[in-house]
Amino acid sequence: MKSLAVFSDTHHHSLPEAFYEVMESVDYVIFCGDGLSSLMPFAELYKDKFVYVKGNCDFSAKGPDKVILQIEDVKVLVTHGHLYGVKSNTLNLKFAAEEQGADLVLFGHTHANGVEKDGSVTYINAGSLGEGYLYGDGYYYVVINGKNILAKFVKVY
């Protein structure tokens, strides 16, 4: 069983104090872009478990547009979402998930968190940990056990 803290779109806002404990306690800390340069100290500190992608506002940051992980029996696609037009719809993201053979897709960009299951693929939009539009600022606490995926949105403000 593995645990993940999945967050996105900090836009250089300070991380909440409570989130530091979360980062310590999980197996993976996954950042889905936008605010990457201010998080690089955490990438160094948690280098064995900090996974990140760059977003459309990460102009000067160096990082990948997508990352593929294998966690337990789950293949995970991590991306920001802007390259797939997720503010309009998730069709291109679903094509990417199919192309990669992903079981779980983690993304952001819209600042509106949510979980959607489509066939065998789970999509988690991490929302924003700095500028959450619809449901406030927060992150997803995700547990992967074998092929099972459990996700809960945790509000921080």
Protein backbone atom coordinates (compact mmCIF):
# COMPACT_ATOMS: atom_id res chain seq x y z
CA MET A 1 0.00 0.00 0.00
CA LYS A 2 1.32 3.44 -1.00
CA SER A 3 0.10 6.92 -0.07
CA LEU A 4 0.30 10.07 -2.18
CA ALA A 5 -0.20 13.77 -1.55
CA VAL A 6 -1.28 15.25 -4.90
CA PHE A 7 -1.43 19.01 -5.35
CA SER A 8 -1.30 21.62 -8.07
CA ASP A 9 -1.42 25.29 -8.96
CA THR A 10 0.23 26.86 -5.92
CA HIS A 11 1.28 29.81 -8.08
CA HIS A 12 4.10 30.48 -5.60
CA HIS A 13 1.81 30.81 -2.57
CA SER A 14 3.34 29.50 0.65
CA LEU A 15 2.44 25.94 1.52
CA PRO A 16 0.27 25.56 4.62
CA GLU A 17 2.18 24.42 7.72
CA ALA A 18 -0.01 21.31 8.02
CA PHE A 19 1.06 20.23 4.53
CA TYR A 20 4.68 19.83 5.69
CA GLU A 21 3.59 16.96 7.95
CA VAL A 22 1.65 15.42 5.09
CA MET A 23 4.72 15.52 2.83
CA GLU A 24 6.74 13.78 5.53
CA SER A 25 4.18 11.03 6.03
CA VAL A 26 3.35 9.95 2.46
CA ASP A 27 5.26 7.72 0.06
CA TYR A 28 4.94 10.17 -2.86
CA VAL A 29 4.49 13.94 -3.07
CA ILE A 30 3.15 14.74 -6.54
CA PHE A 31 2.95 18.30 -7.89
CA CYS A 32 0.92 18.84 -11.07
CA GLY A 33 2.45 22.18 -12.08
CA ASP A 34 2.17 25.99 -11.84
CA GLY A 35 4.42 27.27 -9.07
CA LEU A 36 7.24 24.81 -9.64
CA SER A 37 10.24 27.11 -9.13
CA SER A 38 9.21 27.95 -5.56
CA LEU A 39 8.87 24.22 -4.77
CA MET A 40 12.34 23.16 -5.92
CA PRO A 41 13.68 23.19 -2.32
CA PHE A 42 11.07 20.51 -1.52
CA ALA A 43 12.09 18.56 -4.62
CA GLU A 44 15.63 18.52 -3.23
CA LEU A 45 14.53 17.70 0.31
CA TYR A 46 12.18 14.90 -0.76
CA LYS A 47 14.04 13.87 -3.93
CA ASP A 48 13.26 10.20 -3.50
CA LYS A 49 9.52 10.79 -3.41
CA PHE A 50 8.86 14.25 -4.93
CA VAL A 51 7.43 13.98 -8.47
CA TYR A 52 6.62 17.08 -10.49
CA VAL A 53 5.66 18.41 -13.89
CA LYS A 54 5.71 21.96 -15.15
CA GLY A 55 2.59 23.91 -15.92
CA ASN A 56 1.73 26.70 -18.33
CA CYS A 57 2.84 29.36 -15.82
CA ASP A 58 6.18 27.68 -15.05
CA PHE A 59 8.04 29.81 -17.60
CA SER A 60 11.53 29.62 -16.11
CA ALA A 61 11.25 26.24 -14.40
CA LYS A 62 12.84 23.16 -15.85
CA GLY A 63 10.82 20.01 -15.69
CA PRO A 64 8.92 17.47 -17.74
CA ASP A 65 5.46 18.04 -19.24
CA LYS A 66 4.41 14.56 -18.13
CA VAL A 67 5.67 11.76 -15.95
CA ILE A 68 4.70 8.09 -16.02
CA LEU A 69 4.95 6.15 -12.74
CA GLN A 70 4.24 2.62 -11.68
CA ILE A 71 2.85 2.58 -8.13
CA GLU A 72 1.82 -0.85 -6.90
CA ASP A 73 -0.26 -2.27 -9.79
CA VAL A 74 -1.33 1.16 -11.03
CA LYS A 75 0.21 2.99 -13.98
CA VAL A 76 0.04 6.72 -13.29
CA LEU A 77 0.16 9.60 -15.77
CA VAL A 78 1.04 12.95 -14.17
CA THR A 79 0.59 16.15 -16.19
CA HIS A 80 -0.56 19.72 -15.71
CA GLY A 81 -3.36 19.47 -18.25
CA HIS A 82 -2.90 22.62 -20.32
CA LEU A 83 -1.37 20.70 -23.23
CA TYR A 84 -4.55 18.61 -23.37
CA GLY A 85 -7.03 21.51 -23.21
CA VAL A 86 -8.61 20.38 -19.93
CA LYS A 87 -10.29 23.75 -19.35
CA SER A 88 -12.56 22.94 -22.31
CA ASN A 89 -12.95 19.17 -21.88
CA THR A 90 -10.93 16.10 -20.98
CA LEU A 91 -11.20 14.25 -24.28
CA ASN A 92 -7.54 14.75 -25.28
CA LEU A 93 -6.44 13.82 -21.77
CA LYS A 94 -8.46 10.61 -22.07
CA PHE A 95 -6.75 9.86 -25.39
CA ALA A 96 -3.36 10.40 -23.70
CA ALA A 97 -4.34 8.09 -20.84
CA GLU A 98 -5.36 5.41 -23.32
CA GLU A 99 -2.14 5.85 -25.33
CA GLN A 100 -0.03 5.49 -22.16
CA GLY A 101 -2.10 2.63 -20.75
CA ALA A 102 -2.70 4.67 -17.59
CA ASP A 103 -4.95 3.50 -14.76
CA LEU A 104 -4.71 6.83 -12.93
CA VAL A 105 -4.31 10.36 -14.31
CA LEU A 106 -3.27 13.22 -12.02
CA PHE A 107 -3.59 16.76 -13.35
CA GLY A 108 -4.49 20.36 -12.47
CA HIS A 109 -4.71 23.61 -14.46
CA THR A 110 -8.42 24.36 -13.88
CA HIS A 111 -8.13 25.12 -10.13
CA ALA A 112 -11.32 23.09 -9.68
CA ASN A 113 -10.72 19.76 -7.97
CA GLY A 114 -12.60 16.58 -8.74
CA VAL A 115 -12.45 12.84 -9.31
CA GLU A 116 -13.91 11.07 -12.32
CA LYS A 117 -13.92 7.38 -13.15
CA ASP A 118 -14.18 6.57 -16.85
CA GLY A 119 -14.03 2.86 -17.55
CA SER A 120 -10.96 1.52 -15.82
CA VAL A 121 -9.23 4.91 -15.55
CA THR A 122 -9.48 7.27 -12.57
CA TYR A 123 -8.91 10.98 -13.24
CA ILE A 124 -8.00 13.25 -10.34
CA ASN A 125 -7.92 16.99 -10.89
CA ALA A 126 -5.93 18.21 -7.90
CA GLY A 127 -7.53 21.66 -7.92
CA SER A 128 -5.27 24.27 -6.33
CA LEU A 129 -3.27 24.60 -3.17
CA GLY A 130 -3.16 28.36 -3.47
CA GLU A 131 -6.02 29.61 -5.65
CA GLY A 132 -8.85 27.08 -5.46
CA TYR A 133 -11.85 28.42 -7.36
CA LEU A 134 -14.78 26.16 -6.64
CA TYR A 135 -14.08 24.10 -3.55
CA GLY A 136 -11.30 26.00 -1.80
CA ASP A 137 -7.62 25.30 -1.47
CA GLY A 138 -6.53 21.75 -0.84
CA TYR A 139 -4.87 18.59 -2.04
CA TYR A 140 -5.78 14.97 -2.64
CA TYR A 141 -4.70 12.26 -0.27
CA VAL A 142 -4.57 9.12 -2.39
CA VAL A 143 -4.02 5.54 -1.29
CA ILE A 144 -3.09 2.87 -3.82
CA ASN A 145 -3.38 -0.72 -2.69
CA GLY A 146 -2.62 -3.15 -5.48
CA LYS A 147 -4.98 -2.03 -8.25
CA ASN A 148 -7.37 -0.17 -5.88
CA ILE A 149 -7.33 3.64 -5.77
CA LEU A 150 -8.92 5.65 -2.96
CA ALA A 151 -8.86 9.47 -3.06
CA LYS A 152 -10.04 12.16 -0.67
CA PHE A 153 -9.88 15.92 -1.13
CA VAL A 154 -8.49 17.66 1.94
CA LYS A 155 -9.30 21.35 2.34
CA VAL A 156 -6.55 23.37 3.97
CA TYR A 157 -8.19 26.79 4.32
